[in-house]
Amino acid sequence: MDIKNCFLNADDSILFKAFEEFLEHEETGNLKSGIIKNIAYQINQFQAISIAINFVEMELLKEMAIRYYERN
């Protein structure tokens, strides 16, 4: 699975929901079931879940930044 494509092909509402999950995870240290965790579990076959979550969150943030700065 290519993590980048998961967010590249997502609409803005999905990115926003995933970003809310990310912010809650940053604040509480607890990642509830949702977009980030689902993608992380799909790529988990190759690395530890905590590493997979980190990869997913970084790709989410990159895609959000690209969309924001391309529009402004």
PDB file of N, CA and C in Angstrom:
ATOM      1  N   MET A   1       0.832  -1.179   0.000  1.00  0.00           N
ATOM      2  CA  MET A   1       0.000   0.000   0.000  1.00  0.00           C
ATOM      3  C   MET A   1       0.879   1.246   0.000  1.00  0.00           C
ATOM      4  N   ASP A   2       0.556   2.191  -0.836  1.00  0.00           N
ATOM      5  CA  ASP A   2       1.270   3.457  -0.894  1.00  0.00           C
ATOM      6  C   ASP A   2       0.520   4.479  -0.046  1.00  0.00           C
ATOM      7  N   ILE A   3       1.108   4.844   1.080  1.00  0.00           N
ATOM      8  CA  ILE A   3       0.450   5.757   2.018  1.00  0.00           C
ATOM      9  C   ILE A   3       0.158   7.101   1.361  1.00  0.00           C
ATOM     10  N   LYS A   4       1.098   7.591   0.592  1.00  0.00           N
ATOM     11  CA  LYS A   4       0.934   8.906  -0.042  1.00  0.00           C
ATOM     12  C   LYS A   4      -0.334   8.947  -0.877  1.00  0.00           C
ATOM     13  N   ASN A   5      -0.604   7.892  -1.636  1.00  0.00           N
ATOM     14  CA  ASN A   5      -1.795   7.865  -2.484  1.00  0.00           C
ATOM     15  C   ASN A   5      -3.087   7.832  -1.683  1.00  0.00           C
ATOM     16  N   CYS A   6      -3.032   7.304  -0.471  1.00  0.00           N
ATOM     17  CA  CYS A   6      -4.229   7.293   0.367  1.00  0.00           C
ATOM     18  C   CYS A   6      -4.727   8.714   0.598  1.00  0.00           C
ATOM     19  N   PHE A   7      -3.829   9.633   0.837  1.00  0.00           N
ATOM     20  CA  PHE A   7      -4.217  11.013   1.094  1.00  0.00           C
ATOM     21  C   PHE A   7      -4.296  11.841  -0.177  1.00  0.00           C
ATOM     22  N   LEU A   8      -3.498  11.516  -1.169  1.00  0.00           N
ATOM     23  CA  LEU A   8      -3.525  12.226  -2.440  1.00  0.00           C
ATOM     24  C   LEU A   8      -4.906  12.107  -3.082  1.00  0.00           C
ATOM     25  N   ASN A   9      -5.521  10.946  -2.958  1.00  0.00           N
ATOM     26  CA  ASN A   9      -6.818  10.693  -3.569  1.00  0.00           C
ATOM     27  C   ASN A   9      -7.996  11.001  -2.652  1.00  0.00           C
ATOM     28  N   ALA A  10      -7.733  11.421  -1.427  1.00  0.00           N
ATOM     29  CA  ALA A  10      -8.809  11.721  -0.472  1.00  0.00           C
ATOM     30  C   ALA A  10      -9.324  13.140  -0.690  1.00  0.00           C
ATOM     31  N   ASP A  11     -10.616  13.319  -0.441  1.00  0.00           N
ATOM     32  CA  ASP A  11     -11.144  14.682  -0.535  1.00  0.00           C
ATOM     33  C   ASP A  11     -10.823  15.459   0.743  1.00  0.00           C
ATOM     34  N   ASP A  12     -11.072  16.740   0.703  1.00  0.00           N
ATOM     35  CA  ASP A  12     -10.696  17.609   1.815  1.00  0.00           C
ATOM     36  C   ASP A  12     -11.376  17.227   3.128  1.00  0.00           C
ATOM     37  N   SER A  13     -12.605  16.747   3.061  1.00  0.00           N
ATOM     38  CA  SER A  13     -13.300  16.389   4.301  1.00  0.00           C
ATOM     39  C   SER A  13     -12.626  15.202   4.992  1.00  0.00           C
ATOM     40  N   ILE A  14     -12.108  14.263   4.228  1.00  0.00           N
ATOM     41  CA  ILE A  14     -11.376  13.123   4.802  1.00  0.00           C
ATOM     42  C   ILE A  14     -10.074  13.607   5.429  1.00  0.00           C
ATOM     43  N   LEU A  15      -9.369  14.494   4.722  1.00  0.00           N
ATOM     44  CA  LEU A  15      -8.126  15.040   5.280  1.00  0.00           C
ATOM     45  C   LEU A  15      -8.399  15.782   6.580  1.00  0.00           C
ATOM     46  N   PHE A  16      -9.473  16.552   6.612  1.00  0.00           N
ATOM     47  CA  PHE A  16      -9.805  17.308   7.816  1.00  0.00           C
ATOM     48  C   PHE A  16     -10.109  16.364   8.980  1.00  0.00           C
ATOM     49  N   LYS A  17     -10.883  15.320   8.710  1.00  0.00           N
ATOM     50  CA  LYS A  17     -11.211  14.350   9.760  1.00  0.00           C
ATOM     51  C   LYS A  17      -9.938  13.654  10.261  1.00  0.00           C
ATOM     52  N   ALA A  18      -9.059  13.276   9.350  1.00  0.00           N
ATOM     53  CA  ALA A  18      -7.806  12.629   9.738  1.00  0.00           C
ATOM     54  C   ALA A  18      -6.932  13.604  10.533  1.00  0.00           C
ATOM     55  N   PHE A  19      -6.969  14.884  10.166  1.00  0.00           N
ATOM     56  CA  PHE A  19      -6.189  15.880  10.896  1.00  0.00           C
ATOM     57  C   PHE A  19      -6.711  16.044  12.318  1.00  0.00           C
ATOM     58  N   GLU A  20      -8.023  15.994  12.487  1.00  0.00           N
ATOM     59  CA  GLU A  20      -8.595  16.047  13.836  1.00  0.00           C
ATOM     60  C   GLU A  20      -8.135  14.850  14.661  1.00  0.00           C
ATOM     61  N   GLU A  21      -8.086  13.671  14.037  1.00  0.00           N
ATOM     62  CA  GLU A  21      -7.568  12.480  14.720  1.00  0.00           C
ATOM     63  C   GLU A  21      -6.111  12.692  15.123  1.00  0.00           C
ATOM     64  N   PHE A  22      -5.338  13.258  14.209  1.00  0.00           N
ATOM     65  CA  PHE A  22      -3.924  13.533  14.468  1.00  0.00           C
ATOM     66  C   PHE A  22      -3.764  14.473  15.662  1.00  0.00           C
ATOM     67  N   LEU A  23      -4.527  15.568  15.683  1.00  0.00           N
ATOM     68  CA  LEU A  23      -4.425  16.530  16.779  1.00  0.00           C
ATOM     69  C   LEU A  23      -4.784  15.897  18.120  1.00  0.00           C
ATOM     70  N   GLU A  24      -5.832  15.080  18.123  1.00  0.00           N
ATOM     71  CA  GLU A  24      -6.211  14.401  19.365  1.00  0.00           C
ATOM     72  C   GLU A  24      -5.109  13.433  19.809  1.00  0.00           C
ATOM     73  N   HIS A  25      -4.522  12.739  18.859  1.00  0.00           N
ATOM     74  CA  HIS A  25      -3.431  11.814  19.163  1.00  0.00           C
ATOM     75  C   HIS A  25      -2.241  12.564  19.752  1.00  0.00           C
ATOM     76  N   GLU A  26      -1.917  13.710  19.186  1.00  0.00           N
ATOM     77  CA  GLU A  26      -0.815  14.527  19.698  1.00  0.00           C
ATOM     78  C   GLU A  26      -1.099  15.003  21.122  1.00  0.00           C
ATOM     79  N   GLU A  27      -2.354  15.371  21.379  1.00  0.00           N
ATOM     80  CA  GLU A  27      -2.714  15.928  22.686  1.00  0.00           C
ATOM     81  C   GLU A  27      -2.819  14.859  23.769  1.00  0.00           C
ATOM     82  N   THR A  28      -3.430  13.728  23.434  1.00  0.00           N
ATOM     83  CA  THR A  28      -3.726  12.714  24.457  1.00  0.00           C
ATOM     84  C   THR A  28      -2.758  11.537  24.450  1.00  0.00           C
ATOM     85  N   GLY A  29      -2.080  11.327  23.326  1.00  0.00           N
ATOM     86  CA  GLY A  29      -1.228  10.149  23.196  1.00  0.00           C
ATOM     87  C   GLY A  29      -2.019   8.893  22.873  1.00  0.00           C
ATOM     88  N   ASN A  30      -3.327   9.044  22.690  1.00  0.00           N
ATOM     89  CA  ASN A  30      -4.206   7.917  22.387  1.00  0.00           C
ATOM     90  C   ASN A  30      -4.795   8.108  20.993  1.00  0.00           C
ATOM     91  N   LEU A  31      -4.599   7.114  20.132  1.00  0.00           N
ATOM     92  CA  LEU A  31      -5.149   7.178  18.780  1.00  0.00           C
ATOM     93  C   LEU A  31      -6.371   6.272  18.707  1.00  0.00           C
ATOM     94  N   LYS A  32      -7.543   6.896  18.573  1.00  0.00           N
ATOM     95  CA  LYS A  32      -8.787   6.136  18.472  1.00  0.00           C
ATOM     96  C   LYS A  32      -8.907   5.519  17.081  1.00  0.00           C
ATOM     97  N   SER A  33      -9.798   4.563  16.946  1.00  0.00           N
ATOM     98  CA  SER A  33     -10.052   3.959  15.633  1.00  0.00           C
ATOM     99  C   SER A  33     -10.542   5.035  14.673  1.00  0.00           C
ATOM    100  N   GLY A  34     -10.017   4.994  13.481  1.00  0.00           N
ATOM    101  CA  GLY A  34     -10.398   5.973  12.477  1.00  0.00           C
ATOM    102  C   GLY A  34      -9.515   5.840  11.256  1.00  0.00           C
ATOM    103  N   ILE A  35      -9.403   6.899  10.521  1.00  0.00           N
ATOM    104  CA  ILE A  35      -8.686   6.913   9.248  1.00  0.00           C
ATOM    105  C   ILE A  35      -7.214   6.560   9.430  1.00  0.00           C
ATOM    106  N   ILE A  36      -6.527   7.244  10.331  1.00  0.00           N
ATOM    107  CA  ILE A  36      -5.087   7.024  10.512  1.00  0.00           C
ATOM    108  C   ILE A  36      -4.810   5.599  10.962  1.00  0.00           C
ATOM    109  N   LYS A  37      -5.553   5.142  11.945  1.00  0.00           N
ATOM    110  CA  LYS A  37      -5.322   3.798  12.473  1.00  0.00           C
ATOM    111  C   LYS A  37      -5.627   2.729  11.420  1.00  0.00           C
ATOM    112  N   ASN A  38      -6.680   2.929  10.633  1.00  0.00           N
ATOM    113  CA  ASN A  38      -7.019   1.955   9.584  1.00  0.00           C
ATOM    114  C   ASN A  38      -5.907   1.838   8.549  1.00  0.00           C
ATOM    115  N   ILE A  39      -5.378   2.958   8.110  1.00  0.00           N
ATOM    116  CA  ILE A  39      -4.289   2.925   7.132  1.00  0.00           C
ATOM    117  C   ILE A  39      -3.042   2.306   7.754  1.00  0.00           C
ATOM    118  N   ALA A  40      -2.747   2.686   8.988  1.00  0.00           N
ATOM    119  CA  ALA A  40      -1.565   2.151   9.666  1.00  0.00           C
ATOM    120  C   ALA A  40      -1.640   0.635   9.795  1.00  0.00           C
ATOM    121  N   TYR A  41      -2.805   0.108  10.129  1.00  0.00           N
ATOM    122  CA  TYR A  41      -2.941  -1.347  10.253  1.00  0.00           C
ATOM    123  C   TYR A  41      -2.770  -2.044   8.901  1.00  0.00           C
ATOM    124  N   GLN A  42      -3.166  -1.371   7.821  1.00  0.00           N
ATOM    125  CA  GLN A  42      -2.996  -1.967   6.498  1.00  0.00           C
ATOM    126  C   GLN A  42      -1.529  -2.072   6.097  1.00  0.00           C
ATOM    127  N   ILE A  43      -0.693  -1.127   6.551  1.00  0.00           N
ATOM    128  CA  ILE A  43       0.730  -1.192   6.197  1.00  0.00           C
ATOM    129  C   ILE A  43       1.560  -1.857   7.281  1.00  0.00           C
ATOM    130  N   ASN A  44       0.923  -2.242   8.368  1.00  0.00           N
ATOM    131  CA  ASN A  44       1.609  -2.796   9.528  1.00  0.00           C
ATOM    132  C   ASN A  44       2.335  -4.098   9.235  1.00  0.00           C
ATOM    133  N   GLN A  45       2.060  -4.739   8.148  1.00  0.00           N
ATOM    134  CA  GLN A  45       2.698  -6.018   7.855  1.00  0.00           C
ATOM    135  C   GLN A  45       4.206  -5.896   7.697  1.00  0.00           C
ATOM    136  N   PHE A  46       4.716  -4.684   7.510  1.00  0.00           N
ATOM    137  CA  PHE A  46       6.145  -4.498   7.294  1.00  0.00           C
ATOM    138  C   PHE A  46       6.886  -3.840   8.451  1.00  0.00           C
ATOM    139  N   GLN A  47       6.183  -3.177   9.337  1.00  0.00           N
ATOM    140  CA  GLN A  47       6.850  -2.534  10.462  1.00  0.00           C
ATOM    141  C   GLN A  47       5.924  -2.448  11.672  1.00  0.00           C
ATOM    142  N   ALA A  48       6.460  -2.050  12.803  1.00  0.00           N
ATOM    143  CA  ALA A  48       5.681  -1.921  14.028  1.00  0.00           C
ATOM    144  C   ALA A  48       4.564  -0.899  13.838  1.00  0.00           C
ATOM    145  N   ILE A  49       3.457  -1.094  14.547  1.00  0.00           N
ATOM    146  CA  ILE A  49       2.301  -0.217  14.385  1.00  0.00           C
ATOM    147  C   ILE A  49       2.638   1.232  14.727  1.00  0.00           C
ATOM    148  N   SER A  50       3.463   1.482  15.724  1.00  0.00           N
ATOM    149  CA  SER A  50       3.790   2.869  16.079  1.00  0.00           C
ATOM    150  C   SER A  50       4.553   3.554  14.948  1.00  0.00           C
ATOM    151  N   ILE A  51       5.399   2.822  14.272  1.00  0.00           N
ATOM    152  CA  ILE A  51       6.126   3.379  13.121  1.00  0.00           C
ATOM    153  C   ILE A  51       5.160   3.607  11.969  1.00  0.00           C
ATOM    154  N   ALA A  52       4.261   2.673  11.756  1.00  0.00           N
ATOM    155  CA  ALA A  52       3.275   2.810  10.688  1.00  0.00           C
ATOM    156  C   ALA A  52       2.396   4.036  10.923  1.00  0.00           C
ATOM    157  N   ILE A  53       1.965   4.248  12.163  1.00  0.00           N
ATOM    158  CA  ILE A  53       1.150   5.419  12.486  1.00  0.00           C
ATOM    159  C   ILE A  53       1.924   6.689  12.194  1.00  0.00           C
ATOM    160  N   ASN A  54       3.185   6.722  12.544  1.00  0.00           N
ATOM    161  CA  ASN A  54       4.016   7.893  12.281  1.00  0.00           C
ATOM    162  C   ASN A  54       4.108   8.175  10.785  1.00  0.00           C
ATOM    163  N   PHE A  55       4.320   7.150   9.983  1.00  0.00           N
ATOM    164  CA  PHE A  55       4.371   7.331   8.530  1.00  0.00           C
ATOM    165  C   PHE A  55       3.055   7.890   7.999  1.00  0.00           C
ATOM    166  N   VAL A  56       1.954   7.350   8.463  1.00  0.00           N
ATOM    167  CA  VAL A  56       0.635   7.797   8.006  1.00  0.00           C
ATOM    168  C   VAL A  56       0.418   9.257   8.379  1.00  0.00           C
ATOM    169  N   GLU A  57       0.727   9.619   9.617  1.00  0.00           N
ATOM    170  CA  GLU A  57       0.530  10.997  10.047  1.00  0.00           C
ATOM    171  C   GLU A  57       1.410  11.973   9.267  1.00  0.00           C
ATOM    172  N   MET A  58       2.621  11.595   8.980  1.00  0.00           N
ATOM    173  CA  MET A  58       3.505  12.479   8.213  1.00  0.00           C
ATOM    174  C   MET A  58       2.985  12.685   6.794  1.00  0.00           C
ATOM    175  N   GLU A  59       2.493  11.646   6.162  1.00  0.00           N
ATOM    176  CA  GLU A  59       1.937  11.799   4.808  1.00  0.00           C
ATOM    177  C   GLU A  59       0.682  12.654   4.833  1.00  0.00           C
ATOM    178  N   LEU A  60      -0.142  12.514   5.873  1.00  0.00           N
ATOM    179  CA  LEU A  60      -1.326  13.357   6.026  1.00  0.00           C
ATOM    180  C   LEU A  60      -0.915  14.820   6.090  1.00  0.00           C
ATOM    181  N   LEU A  61       0.041  15.135   6.938  1.00  0.00           N
ATOM    182  CA  LEU A  61       0.469  16.521   7.103  1.00  0.00           C
ATOM    183  C   LEU A  61       1.085  17.077   5.824  1.00  0.00           C
ATOM    184  N   LYS A  62       1.852  16.272   5.122  1.00  0.00           N
ATOM    185  CA  LYS A  62       2.449  16.718   3.857  1.00  0.00           C
ATOM    186  C   LYS A  62       1.369  17.064   2.839  1.00  0.00           C
ATOM    187  N   GLU A  63       0.385  16.169   2.692  1.00  0.00           N
ATOM    188  CA  GLU A  63      -0.670  16.406   1.704  1.00  0.00           C
ATOM    189  C   GLU A  63      -1.489  17.639   2.063  1.00  0.00           C
ATOM    190  N   MET A  64      -1.775  17.842   3.351  1.00  0.00           N
ATOM    191  CA  MET A  64      -2.523  19.026   3.759  1.00  0.00           C
ATOM    192  C   MET A  64      -1.728  20.298   3.467  1.00  0.00           C
ATOM    193  N   ALA A  65      -0.443  20.282   3.744  1.00  0.00           N
ATOM    194  CA  ALA A  65       0.400  21.450   3.483  1.00  0.00           C
ATOM    195  C   ALA A  65       0.471  21.753   1.992  1.00  0.00           C
ATOM    196  N   ILE A  66       0.630  20.723   1.176  1.00  0.00           N
ATOM    197  CA  ILE A  66       0.687  20.919  -0.276  1.00  0.00           C
ATOM    198  C   ILE A  66      -0.595  21.553  -0.772  1.00  0.00           C
ATOM    199  N   ARG A  67      -1.741  21.037  -0.337  1.00  0.00           N
ATOM    200  CA  ARG A  67      -3.015  21.604  -0.789  1.00  0.00           C
ATOM    201  C   ARG A  67      -3.185  23.038  -0.318  1.00  0.00           C
ATOM    202  N   TYR A  68      -2.802  23.334   0.904  1.00  0.00           N
ATOM    203  CA  TYR A  68      -2.944  24.683   1.433  1.00  0.00           C
ATOM    204  C   TYR A  68      -2.082  25.675   0.661  1.00  0.00           C
ATOM    205  N   TYR A  69      -0.831  25.338   0.501  1.00  0.00           N
ATOM    206  CA  TYR A  69       0.097  26.282  -0.128  1.00  0.00           C
ATOM    207  C   TYR A  69      -0.115  26.394  -1.630  1.00  0.00           C
ATOM    208  N   GLU A  70      -0.677  25.402  -2.265  1.00  0.00           N
ATOM    209  CA  GLU A  70      -1.000  25.517  -3.685  1.00  0.00           C
ATOM    210  C   GLU A  70      -2.176  26.437  -3.908  1.00  0.00           C
ATOM    211  N   ARG A  71      -3.055  26.551  -2.921  1.00  0.00           N
ATOM    212  CA  ARG A  71      -4.243  27.396  -3.059  1.00  0.00           C
ATOM    213  C   ARG A  71      -3.958  28.844  -2.699  1.00  0.00           C
ATOM    214  N   ASN A  72      -2.925  29.090  -1.931  1.00  0.00           N
ATOM    215  CA  ASN A  72      -2.647  30.452  -1.458  1.00  0.00           C
ATOM    216  C   ASN A  72      -1.447  31.054  -2.149  1.00  0.00           C
TER     217      ASN A  72
END
